[in-house]
Protein backbone atom coordinates (compact mmCIF):
# COMPACT_ATOMS: atom_id res chain seq x y z
CA UNK A 1 153.31 -71.92 73.60
CA UNK A 2 156.73 -70.25 73.76
CA UNK A 3 159.55 -70.63 71.30
CA UNK A 4 161.44 -73.15 73.41
CA UNK A 5 158.40 -75.33 73.83
CA UNK A 6 157.87 -75.50 70.09
CA UNK A 7 161.49 -76.44 69.46
CA UNK A 8 161.51 -78.82 72.42
CA UNK A 9 158.73 -80.79 70.76
CA UNK A 10 160.56 -81.08 67.45
CA UNK A 11 161.14 -84.82 67.22
CA UNK A 12 161.38 -85.55 63.51
CA UNK A 13 160.26 -88.95 62.31
CA UNK A 14 159.12 -90.51 59.07
CA UNK A 15 155.51 -89.49 59.72
CA UNK A 16 154.75 -86.99 56.99
CA UNK A 17 151.83 -85.23 58.66
CA UNK A 18 153.63 -84.79 61.96
CA UNK A 19 156.62 -83.39 60.12
CA UNK A 20 154.46 -81.03 58.06
CA UNK A 21 152.72 -79.68 61.14
CA UNK A 22 156.04 -79.08 62.88
CA UNK A 23 157.38 -77.39 59.77
CA UNK A 24 154.49 -74.96 59.75
CA UNK A 25 155.15 -74.09 63.40
CA UNK A 26 158.81 -73.47 62.70
CA UNK A 27 158.11 -71.30 59.68
CA UNK A 28 155.96 -69.11 61.88
CA UNK A 29 158.75 -68.92 64.45
CA UNK A 30 161.49 -68.09 61.95
CA UNK A 31 160.32 -64.54 61.33
CA UNK A 32 159.79 -61.58 63.62
CA UNK A 33 156.22 -61.50 64.87
CA UNK A 34 154.03 -59.49 62.50
CA UNK A 35 156.85 -58.98 59.99
CA UNK A 36 156.57 -59.95 56.32
CA UNK A 37 159.33 -62.27 55.13
CA UNK A 38 160.14 -59.94 52.24
CA UNK A 39 161.11 -57.33 54.83
CA UNK A 40 163.64 -59.61 56.50
CA UNK A 41 167.28 -58.89 55.60
CA UNK A 42 170.37 -61.14 55.84
CA UNK A 43 171.58 -59.08 58.81
CA UNK A 44 168.51 -60.26 60.77
CA UNK A 45 169.47 -63.94 60.51
CA UNK A 46 170.10 -65.71 63.83
CA UNK A 47 171.67 -69.16 63.56
CA UNK A 48 170.51 -72.07 65.65
CA UNK A 49 173.71 -71.95 67.72
CA UNK A 50 173.07 -68.32 68.63
CA UNK A 51 169.67 -69.14 70.16
CA UNK A 52 171.00 -70.62 73.36
CA UNK A 53 167.67 -70.33 75.17
CA UNK A 54 166.17 -72.89 72.79
CA UNK A 55 168.59 -75.73 73.50
CA UNK A 56 170.75 -75.03 76.56
CA UNK A 57 168.15 -76.41 79.04
CA UNK A 58 168.25 -79.76 77.17
CA UNK A 59 172.02 -79.95 77.60
CA UNK A 60 172.28 -79.25 81.32
CA UNK A 61 173.15 -82.33 83.35
CA UNK A 62 173.84 -84.42 80.23
CA UNK A 63 177.01 -85.70 78.60
CA UNK A 64 177.35 -83.98 75.25
CA UNK A 65 179.30 -84.88 72.09
CA UNK A 66 179.74 -82.31 69.34
CA UNK A 67 180.22 -82.63 65.59
CA UNK A 68 181.88 -79.27 64.96
CA UNK A 69 184.68 -77.48 63.18
CA UNK A 70 186.04 -73.95 62.84
CA UNK A 71 182.66 -72.67 61.50
CA UNK A 72 180.84 -73.59 64.72
CA UNK A 73 180.83 -70.06 66.03
CA UNK A 74 178.41 -68.34 68.41
CA UNK A 75 179.16 -64.76 67.38
CA UNK A 76 182.87 -64.40 68.30
CA UNK A 77 183.16 -67.56 70.40
CA UNK A 78 183.46 -71.20 69.34
CA UNK A 79 180.52 -73.39 70.36
CA UNK A 80 182.85 -75.58 72.43
CA UNK A 81 184.07 -72.61 74.46
CA UNK A 82 180.57 -71.16 74.74
CA UNK A 83 179.13 -74.38 76.13
CA UNK A 84 182.03 -74.95 78.50
CA UNK A 85 181.55 -71.45 79.92
CA UNK A 86 177.88 -72.35 80.44
CA UNK A 87 178.89 -75.38 82.50
CA UNK A 88 177.98 -77.99 79.88
CA UNK A 89 179.78 -81.34 80.11
CA UNK A 90 181.39 -81.96 76.70
CA UNK A 91 182.80 -85.47 76.64
CA UNK A 92 183.82 -85.79 72.98
CA UNK A 93 184.29 -83.86 69.73
CA UNK A 94 183.80 -85.60 66.37
CA UNK A 95 185.96 -84.01 63.68
CA UNK A 96 184.95 -83.88 59.97
CA UNK A 97 187.09 -83.24 56.87
CA UNK A 98 189.65 -80.43 57.39
CA UNK A 99 189.69 -81.10 61.13
CA UNK A 100 188.25 -79.55 64.27
CA UNK A 101 190.23 -76.34 63.67
CA UNK A 102 189.64 -76.30 59.89
CA UNK A 103 193.34 -76.21 59.02
CA UNK A 104 193.91 -79.64 57.43
CA UNK A 105 194.41 -79.89 53.66
CA UNK A 106 191.77 -81.25 51.30
CA UNK A 107 191.67 -85.05 51.24
CA UNK A 108 194.18 -85.38 54.10
CA UNK A 109 193.23 -87.82 56.84
CA UNK A 110 192.14 -86.25 60.12
CA UNK A 111 193.79 -87.77 63.17
CA UNK A 112 192.04 -88.55 66.45
CA UNK A 113 193.55 -87.22 69.65
CA UNK A 114 192.96 -84.63 72.35
CA UNK A 115 192.24 -80.93 71.88
CA UNK A 116 195.19 -79.06 73.39
CA UNK A 117 193.08 -76.09 74.53
CA UNK A 118 190.35 -77.98 76.36
CA UNK A 119 191.60 -81.54 76.92
CA UNK A 120 188.46 -82.91 75.22
CA UNK A 121 188.95 -86.19 73.26
CA UNK A 122 188.65 -85.77 69.48
CA UNK A 123 187.45 -88.63 67.30
CA UNK A 124 188.15 -88.32 63.57
CA UNK A 125 185.35 -88.97 61.10
CA UNK A 126 187.45 -88.35 58.00
CA UNK A 127 189.92 -90.96 56.83
CA UNK A 128 189.66 -94.62 57.74
CA UNK A 129 186.72 -93.91 60.06
CA UNK A 130 183.65 -92.09 58.76
CA UNK A 131 181.10 -93.23 61.33
CA UNK A 132 181.30 -93.19 65.14
CA UNK A 133 181.92 -96.53 66.80
CA UNK A 134 179.52 -97.86 69.42
CA UNK A 135 182.14 -97.24 72.12
CA UNK A 136 182.37 -93.59 71.05
CA UNK A 137 178.77 -93.12 72.16
CA UNK A 138 178.70 -95.18 75.35
CA UNK A 139 179.23 -92.14 77.58
CA UNK A 140 177.13 -89.74 75.45
CA UNK A 141 173.56 -88.58 76.19
CA UNK A 142 173.19 -86.25 73.18
CA UNK A 143 175.12 -85.49 69.99
CA UNK A 144 174.99 -81.97 68.51
CA UNK A 145 175.86 -81.14 64.89
CA UNK A 146 176.81 -77.53 64.14
CA UNK A 147 178.74 -77.01 60.90
CA UNK A 148 178.36 -74.48 58.10
CA UNK A 149 177.48 -76.27 54.86
CA UNK A 150 177.47 -74.86 51.30
CA UNK A 151 174.47 -76.71 49.87
CA UNK A 152 176.07 -79.11 47.39
CA UNK A 153 175.74 -82.90 47.40
CA UNK A 154 179.48 -83.45 47.08
CA UNK A 155 180.45 -81.32 50.09
CA UNK A 156 181.39 -83.95 52.66
CA UNK A 157 180.02 -82.38 55.84
CA UNK A 158 176.53 -83.68 55.03
CA UNK A 159 177.88 -87.21 54.56
CA UNK A 160 179.48 -86.95 57.98
CA UNK A 161 176.14 -85.82 59.37
CA UNK A 162 174.42 -88.82 57.77
CA UNK A 163 176.79 -91.33 59.37
CA UNK A 164 176.58 -89.71 62.79
CA UNK A 165 172.78 -89.78 62.58
CA UNK A 166 173.01 -93.46 61.67
CA UNK A 167 175.26 -94.25 64.64
CA UNK A 168 172.98 -92.29 66.95
CA UNK A 169 169.91 -94.14 65.68
CA UNK A 170 171.58 -97.52 66.11
CA UNK A 171 172.70 -96.73 69.65
CA UNK A 172 169.64 -94.85 70.93
CA UNK A 173 171.43 -91.51 71.31
CA UNK A 174 169.43 -88.37 70.45
CA UNK A 175 170.83 -86.14 67.70
CA UNK A 176 170.41 -82.37 67.50
CA UNK A 177 171.16 -80.04 64.58
CA UNK A 178 171.89 -76.38 65.27
CA UNK A 179 170.82 -75.15 61.87
CA UNK A 180 172.62 -72.60 59.69
CA UNK A 181 171.63 -70.92 56.40
CA UNK A 182 172.59 -72.41 53.06
CA UNK A 183 174.65 -69.93 50.98
CA UNK A 184 173.53 -71.80 47.83
CA UNK A 185 170.03 -72.36 49.14
CA UNK A 186 168.22 -70.09 46.67
CA UNK A 187 168.10 -72.58 43.78
CA UNK A 188 168.06 -76.29 42.91
CA UNK A 189 170.06 -77.69 40.02
CA UNK A 190 172.10 -80.52 38.59
CA UNK A 191 171.59 -84.22 37.99
CA UNK A 192 170.03 -86.33 40.74
CA UNK A 193 172.36 -89.05 42.02
CA UNK A 194 171.62 -92.40 40.39
CA UNK A 195 171.72 -95.75 42.17
CA UNK A 196 175.17 -97.30 41.99
CA UNK A 197 177.01 -93.98 42.22
CA UNK A 198 176.85 -93.58 46.00
CA UNK A 199 180.06 -92.41 47.67
CA UNK A 200 181.25 -90.13 50.46
CA UNK A 201 180.71 -87.22 48.05
CA UNK A 202 177.14 -88.32 47.38
CA UNK A 203 175.09 -90.70 49.49
CA UNK A 204 171.51 -90.02 48.47
CA UNK A 205 169.25 -89.38 45.47
CA UNK A 206 169.38 -85.61 45.64
CA UNK A 207 170.61 -83.12 43.02
CA UNK A 208 174.05 -81.51 43.10
CA UNK A 209 172.49 -78.27 44.41
CA UNK A 210 169.80 -79.50 46.78
CA UNK A 211 168.36 -76.25 48.19
CA UNK A 212 168.18 -77.40 51.83
CA UNK A 213 169.80 -76.37 55.08
CA UNK A 214 171.50 -79.16 57.02
CA UNK A 215 168.51 -79.22 59.36
CA UNK A 216 166.08 -79.68 56.50
CA UNK A 217 168.30 -82.31 54.90
CA UNK A 218 168.55 -84.20 58.19
CA UNK A 219 164.76 -84.28 58.28
CA UNK A 220 164.66 -85.66 54.73
CA UNK A 221 167.30 -88.32 55.43
CA UNK A 222 165.43 -89.42 58.54
CA UNK A 223 161.93 -89.13 57.15
CA UNK A 224 162.70 -91.00 53.92
CA UNK A 225 164.40 -93.88 55.72
CA UNK A 226 167.76 -93.26 54.01
CA UNK A 227 169.86 -94.32 56.97
CA UNK A 228 171.24 -97.86 56.80
CA UNK A 229 168.59 -100.55 57.38
CA UNK A 230 165.99 -97.72 57.53
CA UNK A 231 167.29 -96.76 60.97
CA UNK A 232 165.43 -93.85 62.57
CA UNK A 233 167.24 -91.18 64.51
CA UNK A 234 165.74 -89.25 67.46
CA UNK A 235 166.24 -85.91 65.71
CA UNK A 236 165.81 -82.35 66.96
CA UNK A 237 166.44 -79.26 64.82
CA UNK A 238 167.02 -75.81 66.29
CA UNK A 239 165.95 -73.62 63.34
CA UNK A 240 167.52 -70.44 62.01
CA UNK A 241 165.47 -67.37 62.91
CA UNK A 242 164.51 -64.82 60.26
CA UNK A 243 165.69 -66.95 57.35
CA UNK A 244 164.13 -67.85 54.02
CA UNK A 245 165.63 -69.48 50.97
CA UNK A 246 165.64 -66.31 48.90
CA UNK A 247 168.02 -64.49 51.23
CA UNK A 248 171.64 -63.92 50.30
CA UNK A 249 173.83 -65.41 53.01
CA UNK A 250 177.58 -64.97 53.14
CA UNK A 251 179.08 -67.16 55.89
CA UNK A 252 181.14 -65.09 58.34
CA UNK A 253 183.77 -67.86 58.48
CA UNK A 254 185.07 -69.62 55.36
CA UNK A 255 183.45 -73.09 55.41
CA UNK A 256 186.67 -74.87 54.38
CA UNK A 257 190.24 -73.87 53.51
CA UNK A 258 189.65 -73.93 49.77
CA UNK A 259 186.43 -71.91 49.77
CA UNK A 260 187.82 -68.62 51.09
CA UNK A 261 185.37 -66.24 49.39
CA UNK A 262 181.63 -65.96 48.88
CA UNK A 263 182.18 -65.88 45.11
CA UNK A 264 184.05 -69.19 45.35
CA UNK A 265 181.15 -70.68 47.32
CA UNK A 266 178.73 -69.58 44.60
CA UNK A 267 180.94 -70.94 41.80
CA UNK A 268 181.66 -74.19 43.64
CA UNK A 269 178.63 -76.16 42.32
CA UNK A 270 180.09 -75.62 38.82
CA UNK A 271 183.84 -75.55 39.28
CA UNK A 272 184.03 -78.55 41.60
CA UNK A 273 183.33 -80.67 38.50
CA UNK A 274 186.85 -79.83 37.32
CA UNK A 275 188.18 -82.00 40.13
CA UNK A 276 186.97 -84.86 37.94
CA UNK A 277 188.98 -83.68 34.93
CA UNK A 278 192.63 -83.02 34.10
CA UNK A 279 192.06 -79.30 34.65
CA UNK A 280 193.35 -77.47 37.70
CA UNK A 281 190.48 -76.13 39.81
CA UNK A 282 192.79 -73.50 41.29
CA UNK A 283 193.96 -75.39 44.35
CA UNK A 284 197.41 -74.20 45.25
CA UNK A 285 196.38 -70.57 44.81
CA UNK A 286 194.61 -68.14 47.12
CA UNK A 287 191.47 -68.43 44.94
CA UNK A 288 190.60 -72.10 44.46
CA UNK A 289 187.39 -72.80 42.52
CA UNK A 290 187.63 -69.35 40.97
CA UNK A 291 190.64 -70.10 38.75
CA UNK A 292 190.46 -72.89 36.15
CA UNK A 293 193.33 -73.89 33.90
CA UNK A 294 195.65 -76.43 32.31
CA UNK A 295 199.32 -76.55 31.34
CA UNK A 296 198.60 -75.54 27.75
CA UNK A 297 198.55 -71.89 26.56
CA UNK A 298 195.67 -72.74 24.20
CA UNK A 299 193.34 -73.08 27.19
CA UNK A 300 193.08 -69.32 27.77
CA UNK A 301 194.89 -66.01 28.15
CA UNK A 302 194.83 -65.94 31.97
CA UNK A 303 197.63 -67.79 33.73
CA UNK A 304 198.38 -68.91 37.28
CA UNK A 305 200.86 -71.22 38.97
CA UNK A 306 199.71 -73.61 41.71
CA UNK A 307 202.11 -73.86 44.63
CA UNK A 308 202.16 -75.75 47.91
CA UNK A 309 200.12 -73.86 50.53
CA UNK A 310 200.03 -75.30 54.04
CA UNK A 311 196.50 -75.54 55.39
CA UNK A 312 194.99 -75.29 51.91
CA UNK A 313 196.68 -77.64 49.47
CA UNK A 314 200.17 -79.05 49.91
CA UNK A 315 200.11 -81.12 46.71
CA UNK A 316 197.89 -79.34 44.15
CA UNK A 317 197.60 -80.43 40.53
CA UNK A 318 200.46 -79.06 38.42
CA UNK A 319 202.40 -77.79 41.40
CA UNK A 320 204.90 -75.11 40.29
CA UNK A 321 203.70 -75.37 36.67
CA UNK A 322 202.04 -72.52 34.78
CA UNK A 323 198.39 -73.12 33.95
CA UNK A 324 196.36 -71.17 31.39
CA UNK A 325 192.61 -70.77 31.51
CA UNK A 326 190.02 -68.45 33.05
CA UNK A 327 189.69 -66.13 36.04
CA UNK A 328 186.23 -66.10 37.65
CA UNK A 329 187.08 -63.91 40.64
CA UNK A 330 185.14 -60.95 39.30
CA UNK A 331 182.44 -62.93 37.51
CA UNK A 332 179.17 -63.27 39.42
CA UNK A 333 177.68 -66.72 38.72
CA UNK A 334 174.07 -67.22 37.74
CA UNK A 335 171.68 -69.18 39.93
CA UNK A 336 172.51 -72.42 38.13
CA UNK A 337 175.32 -74.83 37.40
CA UNK A 338 177.22 -73.34 34.46
CA UNK A 339 177.78 -76.42 32.30
CA UNK A 340 179.01 -74.32 29.42
CA UNK A 341 182.28 -73.69 31.25
CA UNK A 342 182.93 -77.45 31.41
CA UNK A 343 181.77 -78.00 27.82
CA UNK A 344 184.01 -75.23 26.48
CA UNK A 345 187.16 -76.70 28.02
CA UNK A 346 186.23 -80.20 26.83
CA UNK A 347 185.80 -78.84 23.30
CA UNK A 348 189.26 -77.24 23.45
CA UNK A 349 190.72 -80.66 24.21
CA UNK A 350 188.60 -82.18 21.45
CA UNK A 351 189.89 -79.63 18.93
CA UNK A 352 193.42 -80.79 19.73
CA UNK A 353 192.45 -84.46 19.40
CA UNK A 354 192.95 -85.01 23.13
CA UNK A 355 189.34 -85.34 24.30
CA UNK A 356 190.05 -88.85 25.63
CA UNK A 357 192.31 -87.41 28.31
CA UNK A 358 189.91 -84.77 29.66
CA UNK A 359 187.66 -86.74 32.04
CA UNK A 360 188.74 -88.85 34.99
CA UNK A 361 186.62 -91.52 36.69
CA UNK A 362 185.98 -89.12 39.56
CA UNK A 363 183.84 -86.93 37.28
CA UNK A 364 181.03 -89.51 37.32
CA UNK A 365 181.35 -89.83 41.08
CA UNK A 366 180.86 -86.08 41.48
CA UNK A 367 178.00 -86.01 38.99
CA UNK A 368 176.35 -89.01 40.65
CA UNK A 369 175.74 -90.48 37.20
CA UNK A 370 177.62 -91.43 34.03
CA UNK A 371 175.02 -89.72 31.86
CA UNK A 372 176.45 -86.22 32.13
CA UNK A 373 179.88 -87.17 30.82
CA UNK A 374 178.29 -89.13 27.96
CA UNK A 375 176.10 -86.15 27.07
CA UNK A 376 179.07 -83.78 26.94
CA UNK A 377 181.12 -86.24 24.85
CA UNK A 378 178.24 -86.74 22.42
CA UNK A 379 178.08 -82.99 21.80
CA UNK A 380 174.76 -82.15 23.44
CA UNK A 381 174.22 -78.46 24.07
CA UNK A 382 173.90 -77.20 27.63
CA UNK A 383 170.16 -76.57 27.16
CA UNK A 384 169.60 -80.17 26.02
CA UNK A 385 171.52 -81.56 28.99
CA UNK A 386 169.64 -79.36 31.43
CA UNK A 387 166.34 -80.45 29.91
CA UNK A 388 167.23 -84.08 30.63
CA UNK A 389 167.40 -83.30 34.37
CA UNK A 390 163.99 -81.73 34.68
CA UNK A 391 161.76 -84.76 35.36
CA UNK A 392 163.93 -85.94 38.24
CA UNK A 393 164.34 -82.39 39.55
CA UNK A 394 160.58 -81.85 39.61
CA UNK A 395 160.08 -85.10 41.53
CA UNK A 396 162.80 -84.05 43.98
CA UNK A 397 161.23 -80.61 44.47
CA UNK A 398 157.94 -82.22 45.48
CA UNK A 399 159.78 -84.42 47.97
CA UNK A 400 161.70 -81.40 49.27
CA UNK A 401 158.49 -79.52 50.02
CA UNK A 402 157.70 -81.99 52.81
CA UNK A 403 160.85 -81.08 54.72
CA UNK A 404 161.12 -77.33 54.33
CA UNK A 405 161.47 -75.42 57.60
CA UNK A 406 161.74 -72.03 55.89
CA UNK A 407 159.80 -70.24 53.13
CA UNK A 408 161.06 -71.02 49.68
CA UNK A 409 162.47 -68.68 47.05
CA UNK A 410 160.44 -70.16 44.19
């Protein structure tokens, strides 16, 4: 059986044994024949989108919709342009947060319209509309998702994927993921989202750092019946070749405007929590999520001044005000969420009698629970807080094993 035949038969359902068998096939296909995985290097990685022979035959003669953005590259060419040159009929592009071209500020609504370069209709999935309408899929035979994720629950691309899968399942339209590596895929950490804390920055009971590629996560969402009303999606995953979860992967294109460096991507699972506090997370600088500060010199010796930056952040916290805090640009993060950074800044506010102003409601939304904030306020040490996650993390890891398409790092 050739590589295309294996991938062509990848129809993921909730049947555990079928999924496990398919996973084993794909693991065998993801490495060079006869090569040990420990010998594979990041330079050998081939994304799903780059393996045209595995999916192009399924596209020919069909009407295709794409969920893509600026990261959807096939070497030096965008997937849209690549498919058009191959004669594929693209009838619609669904645009996630930051837009089709990746140049829209954080939190800013993405407008629907027409792509000026190709004339293809663009439907926004960030703003008032987060899920495709039935009419958006009437002239579509297959939807393809190809976006670079960063492996955290609160990164919104995976929520967009969930809602597109749901719409496809409800309307009988097949859904295909062109998989890409997870640059934070070498560890699992953080609290698991608790019921009642679902939002667009966290839809499912997974930890903050979930350790899955988007293809693996799609399999979990589908297999566990997490789509609305337990809808099932006709799902196909084109796997990454030569990838395992222990490999270091630096995306060739920044995944969003405010994650411009690999170091920022690695710090993001920690520093994104500051979006739920009064602290600046560095938006309005060229190094967001690597600079943390507040408008008080007692917060640290390092200073920076957020400004309006088009395409990154037009209205950052403390615009044109000096913030003092820490510079993480040359600090390599450990393979874990660094809670101590959050605790230290909270304690500085507490020492000044201002601890009641530190957290905002959004912190619990990001954490997916109100327990973490309560633990920090009560003075628990980082080790004690981390210990409280372990039972749920172990249960999640067992669930995750069912959906792995690539060898694990643990």
